[in-house]
Amino acid sequence: MDHTNLVEHRHFIIMDGHHRHFCAGELGLSRVPCILLSYGDPNLDVTYWANPEPVAIDDIIEAGLSGNLMSFKTTRHKLKVTLPGCVIDLDDLR
């Protein structure tokens, strides 16, 4: 994965990048680079970290909308394609 947050495009739920989002807040950044993506994208595989079974996407969306997030390293989002590079000066994100 690139060092860019993946965000679900309809509900704006962080798919990947929770730690980067937290650190951005600690640094006082008002913006965080992200790529909007659909759970229906054929280039995205979502499994559990503990086993390769697919995850119920509705459970992820419900957790994100409720704020009752899943435990650390519950889901794994893997893209079959390489994300574009992202180079932005930190001052531009404040």
PDB file of N, CA and C in Angstrom:
ATOM      1  N   MET A   1       0.828  -1.189   0.000  1.00  0.00           N
ATOM      2  CA  MET A   1       0.000   0.000   0.000  1.00  0.00           C
ATOM      3  C   MET A   1       0.868   1.246   0.000  1.00  0.00           C
ATOM      4  N   ASP A   2       0.349   2.243  -0.611  1.00  0.00           N
ATOM      5  CA  ASP A   2       0.972   3.559  -0.613  1.00  0.00           C
ATOM      6  C   ASP A   2       0.757   4.180   0.772  1.00  0.00           C
ATOM      7  N   HIS A   3       1.347   5.319   0.998  1.00  0.00           N
ATOM      8  CA  HIS A   3       1.166   6.029   2.260  1.00  0.00           C
ATOM      9  C   HIS A   3       0.070   7.073   2.123  1.00  0.00           C
ATOM     10  N   THR A   4      -1.000   6.706   1.493  1.00  0.00           N
ATOM     11  CA  THR A   4      -2.160   7.564   1.313  1.00  0.00           C
ATOM     12  C   THR A   4      -3.364   6.846   1.907  1.00  0.00           C
ATOM     13  N   ASN A   5      -4.192   7.579   2.612  1.00  0.00           N
ATOM     14  CA  ASN A   5      -5.381   6.969   3.193  1.00  0.00           C
ATOM     15  C   ASN A   5      -6.353   6.548   2.104  1.00  0.00           C
ATOM     16  N   LEU A   6      -6.951   5.389   2.289  1.00  0.00           N
ATOM     17  CA  LEU A   6      -8.048   4.960   1.427  1.00  0.00           C
ATOM     18  C   LEU A   6      -9.342   5.267   2.158  1.00  0.00           C
ATOM     19  N   VAL A   7     -10.263   5.941   1.473  1.00  0.00           N
ATOM     20  CA  VAL A   7     -11.525   6.359   2.073  1.00  0.00           C
ATOM     21  C   VAL A   7     -12.670   5.878   1.192  1.00  0.00           C
ATOM     22  N   GLU A   8     -13.671   5.270   1.832  1.00  0.00           N
ATOM     23  CA  GLU A   8     -14.848   4.781   1.108  1.00  0.00           C
ATOM     24  C   GLU A   8     -15.604   5.986   0.567  1.00  0.00           C
ATOM     25  N   HIS A   9     -15.925   5.958  -0.712  1.00  0.00           N
ATOM     26  CA  HIS A   9     -16.403   7.158  -1.422  1.00  0.00           C
ATOM     27  C   HIS A   9     -17.822   7.604  -1.082  1.00  0.00           C
ATOM     28  N   ARG A  10     -18.680   6.743  -0.576  1.00  0.00           N
ATOM     29  CA  ARG A  10     -20.069   7.159  -0.295  1.00  0.00           C
ATOM     30  C   ARG A  10     -20.262   7.644   1.137  1.00  0.00           C
ATOM     31  N   HIS A  11     -19.616   6.977   2.084  1.00  0.00           N
ATOM     32  CA  HIS A  11     -19.814   7.302   3.498  1.00  0.00           C
ATOM     33  C   HIS A  11     -18.606   7.997   4.125  1.00  0.00           C
ATOM     34  N   PHE A  12     -17.518   8.119   3.348  1.00  0.00           N
ATOM     35  CA  PHE A  12     -16.274   8.740   3.802  1.00  0.00           C
ATOM     36  C   PHE A  12     -15.713   8.060   5.055  1.00  0.00           C
ATOM     37  N   ILE A  13     -15.744   6.733   5.045  1.00  0.00           N
ATOM     38  CA  ILE A  13     -15.187   5.917   6.117  1.00  0.00           C
ATOM     39  C   ILE A  13     -13.750   5.582   5.745  1.00  0.00           C
ATOM     40  N   ILE A  14     -12.838   5.713   6.706  1.00  0.00           N
ATOM     41  CA  ILE A  14     -11.443   5.357   6.442  1.00  0.00           C
ATOM     42  C   ILE A  14     -11.359   3.839   6.283  1.00  0.00           C
ATOM     43  N   MET A  15     -10.875   3.416   5.119  1.00  0.00           N
ATOM     44  CA  MET A  15     -10.686   1.994   4.851  1.00  0.00           C
ATOM     45  C   MET A  15      -9.306   1.556   5.324  1.00  0.00           C
ATOM     46  N   ASP A  16      -8.314   2.352   5.024  1.00  0.00           N
ATOM     47  CA  ASP A  16      -6.937   2.083   5.402  1.00  0.00           C
ATOM     48  C   ASP A  16      -6.273   3.422   5.683  1.00  0.00           C
ATOM     49  N   GLY A  17      -5.571   3.515   6.798  1.00  0.00           N
ATOM     50  CA  GLY A  17      -4.874   4.752   7.126  1.00  0.00           C
ATOM     51  C   GLY A  17      -5.300   5.377   8.441  1.00  0.00           C
ATOM     52  N   HIS A  18      -5.888   4.584   9.328  1.00  0.00           N
ATOM     53  CA  HIS A  18      -6.320   5.136  10.615  1.00  0.00           C
ATOM     54  C   HIS A  18      -5.155   5.731  11.410  1.00  0.00           C
ATOM     55  N   HIS A  19      -4.008   5.075  11.375  1.00  0.00           N
ATOM     56  CA  HIS A  19      -2.856   5.598  12.111  1.00  0.00           C
ATOM     57  C   HIS A  19      -2.350   6.893  11.486  1.00  0.00           C
ATOM     58  N   ARG A  20      -2.317   6.958  10.165  1.00  0.00           N
ATOM     59  CA  ARG A  20      -1.899   8.208   9.501  1.00  0.00           C
ATOM     60  C   ARG A  20      -2.874   9.334   9.837  1.00  0.00           C
ATOM     61  N   HIS A  21      -4.167   9.017   9.874  1.00  0.00           N
ATOM     62  CA  HIS A  21      -5.180  10.024  10.214  1.00  0.00           C
ATOM     63  C   HIS A  21      -4.973  10.521  11.645  1.00  0.00           C
ATOM     64  N   PHE A  22      -4.725   9.597  12.572  1.00  0.00           N
ATOM     65  CA  PHE A  22      -4.487   9.979  13.968  1.00  0.00           C
ATOM     66  C   PHE A  22      -3.248  10.871  14.066  1.00  0.00           C
ATOM     67  N   CYS A  23      -2.158  10.474  13.431  1.00  0.00           N
ATOM     68  CA  CYS A  23      -0.917  11.256  13.471  1.00  0.00           C
ATOM     69  C   CYS A  23      -1.106  12.633  12.855  1.00  0.00           C
ATOM     70  N   ALA A  24      -1.886  12.716  11.784  1.00  0.00           N
ATOM     71  CA  ALA A  24      -2.158  14.015  11.161  1.00  0.00           C
ATOM     72  C   ALA A  24      -2.846  14.945  12.158  1.00  0.00           C
ATOM     73  N   GLY A  25      -3.777  14.405  12.932  1.00  0.00           N
ATOM     74  CA  GLY A  25      -4.437  15.206  13.960  1.00  0.00           C
ATOM     75  C   GLY A  25      -3.462  15.674  15.026  1.00  0.00           C
ATOM     76  N   GLU A  26      -2.558  14.777  15.441  1.00  0.00           N
ATOM     77  CA  GLU A  26      -1.551  15.129  16.436  1.00  0.00           C
ATOM     78  C   GLU A  26      -0.601  16.217  15.925  1.00  0.00           C
ATOM     79  N   LEU A  27      -0.372  16.238  14.612  1.00  0.00           N
ATOM     80  CA  LEU A  27       0.498  17.250  14.003  1.00  0.00           C
ATOM     81  C   LEU A  27      -0.243  18.546  13.694  1.00  0.00           C
ATOM     82  N   GLY A  28      -1.550  18.563  13.947  1.00  0.00           N
ATOM     83  CA  GLY A  28      -2.339  19.764  13.690  1.00  0.00           C
ATOM     84  C   GLY A  28      -2.666  19.985  12.227  1.00  0.00           C
ATOM     85  N   LEU A  29      -2.630  18.921  11.437  1.00  0.00           N
ATOM     86  CA  LEU A  29      -2.958  19.056  10.020  1.00  0.00           C
ATOM     87  C   LEU A  29      -4.470  19.145   9.847  1.00  0.00           C
ATOM     88  N   SER A  30      -4.905  20.008   8.954  1.00  0.00           N
ATOM     89  CA  SER A  30      -6.341  20.127   8.689  1.00  0.00           C
ATOM     90  C   SER A  30      -6.754  19.334   7.456  1.00  0.00           C
ATOM     91  N   ARG A  31      -5.760  18.833   6.722  1.00  0.00           N
ATOM     92  CA  ARG A  31      -6.025  18.035   5.521  1.00  0.00           C
ATOM     93  C   ARG A  31      -5.151  16.784   5.553  1.00  0.00           C
ATOM     94  N   VAL A  32      -5.676  15.705   4.977  1.00  0.00           N
ATOM     95  CA  VAL A  32      -4.933  14.454   4.865  1.00  0.00           C
ATOM     96  C   VAL A  32      -5.134  13.929   3.447  1.00  0.00           C
ATOM     97  N   PRO A  33      -4.053  13.658   2.724  1.00  0.00           N
ATOM     98  CA  PRO A  33      -4.221  13.101   1.377  1.00  0.00           C
ATOM     99  C   PRO A  33      -4.962  11.767   1.438  1.00  0.00           C
ATOM    100  N   CYS A  34      -5.892  11.577   0.512  1.00  0.00           N
ATOM    101  CA  CYS A  34      -6.629  10.316   0.485  1.00  0.00           C
ATOM    102  C   CYS A  34      -7.052   9.994  -0.943  1.00  0.00           C
ATOM    103  N   ILE A  35      -7.390   8.749  -1.122  1.00  0.00           N
ATOM    104  CA  ILE A  35      -7.951   8.290  -2.390  1.00  0.00           C
ATOM    105  C   ILE A  35      -9.325   7.732  -2.084  1.00  0.00           C
ATOM    106  N   LEU A  36     -10.340   8.235  -2.800  1.00  0.00           N
ATOM    107  CA  LEU A  36     -11.698   7.731  -2.632  1.00  0.00           C
ATOM    108  C   LEU A  36     -11.843   6.439  -3.427  1.00  0.00           C
ATOM    109  N   LEU A  37     -12.432   5.436  -2.795  1.00  0.00           N
ATOM    110  CA  LEU A  37     -12.520   4.114  -3.385  1.00  0.00           C
ATOM    111  C   LEU A  37     -13.840   3.467  -2.994  1.00  0.00           C
ATOM    112  N   SER A  38     -14.338   2.600  -3.835  1.00  0.00           N
ATOM    113  CA  SER A  38     -15.570   1.866  -3.562  1.00  0.00           C
ATOM    114  C   SER A  38     -15.241   0.463  -3.074  1.00  0.00           C
ATOM    115  N   TYR A  39     -16.022  -0.032  -2.123  1.00  0.00           N
ATOM    116  CA  TYR A  39     -15.862  -1.426  -1.712  1.00  0.00           C
ATOM    117  C   TYR A  39     -16.211  -2.374  -2.847  1.00  0.00           C
ATOM    118  N   GLY A  40     -16.905  -1.893  -3.850  1.00  0.00           N
ATOM    119  CA  GLY A  40     -17.234  -2.711  -5.009  1.00  0.00           C
ATOM    120  C   GLY A  40     -16.143  -2.747  -6.060  1.00  0.00           C
ATOM    121  N   ASP A  41     -15.047  -2.038  -5.842  1.00  0.00           N
ATOM    122  CA  ASP A  41     -13.958  -1.991  -6.819  1.00  0.00           C
ATOM    123  C   ASP A  41     -13.348  -3.391  -6.982  1.00  0.00           C
ATOM    124  N   PRO A  42     -13.281  -3.901  -8.210  1.00  0.00           N
ATOM    125  CA  PRO A  42     -12.740  -5.245  -8.421  1.00  0.00           C
ATOM    126  C   PRO A  42     -11.242  -5.355  -8.106  1.00  0.00           C
ATOM    127  N   ASN A  43     -10.556  -4.230  -7.947  1.00  0.00           N
ATOM    128  CA  ASN A  43      -9.130  -4.250  -7.598  1.00  0.00           C
ATOM    129  C   ASN A  43      -8.887  -4.288  -6.097  1.00  0.00           C
ATOM    130  N   LEU A  44      -9.953  -4.339  -5.301  1.00  0.00           N
ATOM    131  CA  LEU A  44      -9.834  -4.318  -3.846  1.00  0.00           C
ATOM    132  C   LEU A  44     -10.240  -5.657  -3.259  1.00  0.00           C
ATOM    133  N   ASP A  45      -9.364  -6.211  -2.424  1.00  0.00           N
ATOM    134  CA  ASP A  45      -9.683  -7.413  -1.649  1.00  0.00           C
ATOM    135  C   ASP A  45      -9.716  -7.016  -0.184  1.00  0.00           C
ATOM    136  N   VAL A  46     -10.787  -7.398   0.510  1.00  0.00           N
ATOM    137  CA  VAL A  46     -10.902  -7.111   1.937  1.00  0.00           C
ATOM    138  C   VAL A  46     -11.063  -8.447   2.655  1.00  0.00           C
ATOM    139  N   THR A  47     -10.089  -8.761   3.498  1.00  0.00           N
ATOM    140  CA  THR A  47     -10.113 -10.003   4.261  1.00  0.00           C
ATOM    141  C   THR A  47      -9.814  -9.688   5.724  1.00  0.00           C
ATOM    142  N   TYR A  48      -9.897 -10.720   6.537  1.00  0.00           N
ATOM    143  CA  TYR A  48      -9.451 -10.605   7.919  1.00  0.00           C
ATOM    144  C   TYR A  48      -7.943 -10.794   7.955  1.00  0.00           C
ATOM    145  N   TRP A  49      -7.266 -10.143   8.879  1.00  0.00           N
ATOM    146  CA  TRP A  49      -5.826 -10.344   9.026  1.00  0.00           C
ATOM    147  C   TRP A  49      -5.541 -11.776   9.476  1.00  0.00           C
ATOM    148  N   ALA A  50      -6.402 -12.322  10.330  1.00  0.00           N
ATOM    149  CA  ALA A  50      -6.153 -13.638  10.914  1.00  0.00           C
ATOM    150  C   ALA A  50      -6.384 -14.784   9.935  1.00  0.00           C
ATOM    151  N   ASN A  51      -7.204 -14.571   8.910  1.00  0.00           N
ATOM    152  CA  ASN A  51      -7.465 -15.617   7.919  1.00  0.00           C
ATOM    153  C   ASN A  51      -7.895 -14.961   6.613  1.00  0.00           C
ATOM    154  N   PRO A  52      -7.832 -15.697   5.518  1.00  0.00           N
ATOM    155  CA  PRO A  52      -8.117 -15.088   4.207  1.00  0.00           C
ATOM    156  C   PRO A  52      -9.602 -14.993   3.844  1.00  0.00           C
ATOM    157  N   GLU A  53     -10.483 -15.177   4.803  1.00  0.00           N
ATOM    158  CA  GLU A  53     -11.916 -15.109   4.492  1.00  0.00           C
ATOM    159  C   GLU A  53     -12.336 -13.672   4.199  1.00  0.00           C
ATOM    160  N   PRO A  54     -13.285 -13.505   3.261  1.00  0.00           N
ATOM    161  CA  PRO A  54     -13.790 -12.148   2.994  1.00  0.00           C
ATOM    162  C   PRO A  54     -14.559 -11.596   4.191  1.00  0.00           C
ATOM    163  N   VAL A  55     -14.535 -10.294   4.323  1.00  0.00           N
ATOM    164  CA  VAL A  55     -15.223  -9.602   5.408  1.00  0.00           C
ATOM    165  C   VAL A  55     -16.566  -9.098   4.897  1.00  0.00           C
ATOM    166  N   ALA A  56     -17.581  -9.117   5.739  1.00  0.00           N
ATOM    167  CA  ALA A  56     -18.887  -8.539   5.388  1.00  0.00           C
ATOM    168  C   ALA A  56     -18.726  -7.012   5.357  1.00  0.00           C
ATOM    169  N   ILE A  57     -18.813  -6.449   4.180  1.00  0.00           N
ATOM    170  CA  ILE A  57     -18.597  -5.011   3.991  1.00  0.00           C
ATOM    171  C   ILE A  57     -19.598  -4.198   4.815  1.00  0.00           C
ATOM    172  N   ASP A  58     -20.829  -4.668   4.923  1.00  0.00           N
ATOM    173  CA  ASP A  58     -21.829  -3.946   5.724  1.00  0.00           C
ATOM    174  C   ASP A  58     -21.366  -3.783   7.169  1.00  0.00           C
ATOM    175  N   ASP A  59     -20.631  -4.770   7.705  1.00  0.00           N
ATOM    176  CA  ASP A  59     -20.119  -4.669   9.075  1.00  0.00           C
ATOM    177  C   ASP A  59     -19.082  -3.552   9.188  1.00  0.00           C
ATOM    178  N   ILE A  60     -18.250  -3.413   8.167  1.00  0.00           N
ATOM    179  CA  ILE A  60     -17.237  -2.353   8.172  1.00  0.00           C
ATOM    180  C   ILE A  60     -17.910  -0.986   8.107  1.00  0.00           C
ATOM    181  N   ILE A  61     -18.874  -0.844   7.219  1.00  0.00           N
ATOM    182  CA  ILE A  61     -19.567   0.442   7.069  1.00  0.00           C
ATOM    183  C   ILE A  61     -20.324   0.792   8.342  1.00  0.00           C
ATOM    184  N   GLU A  62     -20.994  -0.185   8.941  1.00  0.00           N
ATOM    185  CA  GLU A  62     -21.721   0.063  10.188  1.00  0.00           C
ATOM    186  C   GLU A  62     -20.765   0.501  11.297  1.00  0.00           C
ATOM    187  N   ALA A  63     -19.618  -0.154  11.396  1.00  0.00           N
ATOM    188  CA  ALA A  63     -18.629   0.221  12.417  1.00  0.00           C
ATOM    189  C   ALA A  63     -18.132   1.646  12.183  1.00  0.00           C
ATOM    190  N   GLY A  64     -17.852   1.988  10.936  1.00  0.00           N
ATOM    191  CA  GLY A  64     -17.367   3.324  10.623  1.00  0.00           C
ATOM    192  C   GLY A  64     -18.397   4.412  10.892  1.00  0.00           C
ATOM    193  N   LEU A  65     -19.640   4.144  10.530  1.00  0.00           N
ATOM    194  CA  LEU A  65     -20.691   5.152  10.738  1.00  0.00           C
ATOM    195  C   LEU A  65     -21.041   5.318  12.212  1.00  0.00           C
ATOM    196  N   SER A  66     -20.965   4.240  12.980  1.00  0.00           N
ATOM    197  CA  SER A  66     -21.337   4.298  14.397  1.00  0.00           C
ATOM    198  C   SER A  66     -20.209   4.860  15.263  1.00  0.00           C
ATOM    199  N   GLY A  67     -18.969   4.798  14.752  1.00  0.00           N
ATOM    200  CA  GLY A  67     -17.824   5.209  15.553  1.00  0.00           C
ATOM    201  C   GLY A  67     -17.325   4.091  16.454  1.00  0.00           C
ATOM    202  N   ASN A  68     -18.010   2.944  16.436  1.00  0.00           N
ATOM    203  CA  ASN A  68     -17.604   1.772  17.215  1.00  0.00           C
ATOM    204  C   ASN A  68     -16.706   0.917  16.324  1.00  0.00           C
ATOM    205  N   LEU A  69     -15.471   1.357  16.174  1.00  0.00           N
ATOM    206  CA  LEU A  69     -14.568   0.753  15.204  1.00  0.00           C
ATOM    207  C   LEU A  69     -14.174  -0.665  15.590  1.00  0.00           C
ATOM    208  N   MET A  70     -13.814  -1.430  14.582  1.00  0.00           N
ATOM    209  CA  MET A  70     -13.338  -2.793  14.796  1.00  0.00           C
ATOM    210  C   MET A  70     -11.978  -2.728  15.486  1.00  0.00           C
ATOM    211  N   SER A  71     -11.592  -3.830  16.108  1.00  0.00           N
ATOM    212  CA  SER A  71     -10.302  -3.900  16.791  1.00  0.00           C
ATOM    213  C   SER A  71      -9.154  -3.688  15.806  1.00  0.00           C
ATOM    214  N   PHE A  72      -8.025  -3.273  16.337  1.00  0.00           N
ATOM    215  CA  PHE A  72      -6.804  -3.064  15.581  1.00  0.00           C
ATOM    216  C   PHE A  72      -6.468  -4.320  14.773  1.00  0.00           C
ATOM    217  N   LYS A  73      -6.162  -4.118  13.504  1.00  0.00           N
ATOM    218  CA  LYS A  73      -5.762  -5.182  12.587  1.00  0.00           C
ATOM    219  C   LYS A  73      -6.834  -6.271  12.426  1.00  0.00           C
ATOM    220  N   THR A  74      -8.106  -5.873  12.407  1.00  0.00           N
ATOM    221  CA  THR A  74      -9.174  -6.837  12.140  1.00  0.00           C
ATOM    222  C   THR A  74      -9.282  -7.096  10.651  1.00  0.00           C
ATOM    223  N   THR A  75      -9.332  -6.024   9.860  1.00  0.00           N
ATOM    224  CA  THR A  75      -9.501  -6.173   8.419  1.00  0.00           C
ATOM    225  C   THR A  75      -8.230  -5.775   7.682  1.00  0.00           C
ATOM    226  N   ARG A  76      -8.095  -6.348   6.508  1.00  0.00           N
ATOM    227  CA  ARG A  76      -6.939  -6.055   5.660  1.00  0.00           C
ATOM    228  C   ARG A  76      -7.447  -5.670   4.282  1.00  0.00           C
ATOM    229  N   HIS A  77      -7.122  -4.470   3.855  1.00  0.00           N
ATOM    230  CA  HIS A  77      -7.515  -3.964   2.539  1.00  0.00           C
ATOM    231  C   HIS A  77      -6.303  -4.039   1.620  1.00  0.00           C
ATOM    232  N   LYS A  78      -6.398  -4.833   0.582  1.00  0.00           N
ATOM    233  CA  LYS A  78      -5.283  -4.987  -0.359  1.00  0.00           C
ATOM    234  C   LYS A  78      -5.749  -4.606  -1.756  1.00  0.00           C
ATOM    235  N   LEU A  79      -4.948  -3.776  -2.420  1.00  0.00           N
ATOM    236  CA  LEU A  79      -5.242  -3.394  -3.792  1.00  0.00           C
ATOM    237  C   LEU A  79      -4.403  -4.228  -4.748  1.00  0.00           C
ATOM    238  N   LYS A  80      -4.992  -4.575  -5.880  1.00  0.00           N
ATOM    239  CA  LYS A  80      -4.290  -5.338  -6.912  1.00  0.00           C
ATOM    240  C   LYS A  80      -3.537  -4.412  -7.862  1.00  0.00           C
ATOM    241  N   VAL A  81      -3.663  -3.126  -7.669  1.00  0.00           N
ATOM    242  CA  VAL A  81      -2.999  -2.128  -8.510  1.00  0.00           C
ATOM    243  C   VAL A  81      -2.142  -1.226  -7.623  1.00  0.00           C
ATOM    244  N   THR A  82      -1.171  -0.570  -8.226  1.00  0.00           N
ATOM    245  CA  THR A  82      -0.322   0.372  -7.511  1.00  0.00           C
ATOM    246  C   THR A  82      -0.984   1.737  -7.488  1.00  0.00           C
ATOM    247  N   LEU A  83      -0.997   2.339  -6.312  1.00  0.00           N
ATOM    248  CA  LEU A  83      -1.572   3.679  -6.188  1.00  0.00           C
ATOM    249  C   LEU A  83      -0.601   4.716  -6.719  1.00  0.00           C
ATOM    250  N   PRO A  84      -1.119   5.842  -7.201  1.00  0.00           N
ATOM    251  CA  PRO A  84      -0.218   6.915  -7.643  1.00  0.00           C
ATOM    252  C   PRO A  84       0.539   7.487  -6.454  1.00  0.00           C
ATOM    253  N   GLY A  85       1.720   7.999  -6.714  1.00  0.00           N
ATOM    254  CA  GLY A  85       2.512   8.618  -5.665  1.00  0.00           C
ATOM    255  C   GLY A  85       1.851   9.898  -5.164  1.00  0.00           C
ATOM    256  N   CYS A  86       2.189  10.266  -3.946  1.00  0.00           N
ATOM    257  CA  CYS A  86       1.604  11.462  -3.342  1.00  0.00           C
ATOM    258  C   CYS A  86       2.698  12.200  -2.587  1.00  0.00           C
ATOM    259  N   VAL A  87       3.090  13.359  -3.103  1.00  0.00           N
ATOM    260  CA  VAL A  87       4.105  14.177  -2.444  1.00  0.00           C
ATOM    261  C   VAL A  87       3.512  15.566  -2.253  1.00  0.00           C
ATOM    262  N   ILE A  88       3.242  15.882  -0.995  1.00  0.00           N
ATOM    263  CA  ILE A  88       2.654  17.175  -0.644  1.00  0.00           C
ATOM    264  C   ILE A  88       3.425  17.732   0.546  1.00  0.00           C
ATOM    265  N   ASP A  89       3.796  18.992   0.474  1.00  0.00           N
ATOM    266  CA  ASP A  89       4.501  19.645   1.570  1.00  0.00           C
ATOM    267  C   ASP A  89       3.588  19.700   2.789  1.00  0.00           C
ATOM    268  N   LEU A  90       4.127  19.383   3.969  1.00  0.00           N
ATOM    269  CA  LEU A  90       3.319  19.401   5.202  1.00  0.00           C
ATOM    270  C   LEU A  90       2.663  20.749   5.434  1.00  0.00           C
ATOM    271  N   ASP A  91       3.332  21.832   5.094  1.00  0.00           N
ATOM    272  CA  ASP A  91       2.750  23.155   5.305  1.00  0.00           C
ATOM    273  C   ASP A  91       1.465  23.355   4.503  1.00  0.00           C
ATOM    274  N   ASP A  92       1.345  22.656   3.381  1.00  0.00           N
ATOM    275  CA  ASP A  92       0.136  22.739   2.563  1.00  0.00           C
ATOM    276  C   ASP A  92      -1.032  21.984   3.173  1.00  0.00           C
ATOM    277  N   LEU A  93      -0.771  21.167   4.189  1.00  0.00           N
ATOM    278  CA  LEU A  93      -1.827  20.379   4.835  1.00  0.00           C
ATOM    279  C   LEU A  93      -2.289  20.993   6.156  1.00  0.00           C
ATOM    280  N   ARG A  94      -1.664  22.072   6.555  1.00  0.00           N
ATOM    281  CA  ARG A  94      -2.036  22.717   7.839  1.00  0.00           C
ATOM    282  C   ARG A  94      -3.243  23.594   7.687  1.00  0.00           C
TER     283      ARG A  94
END
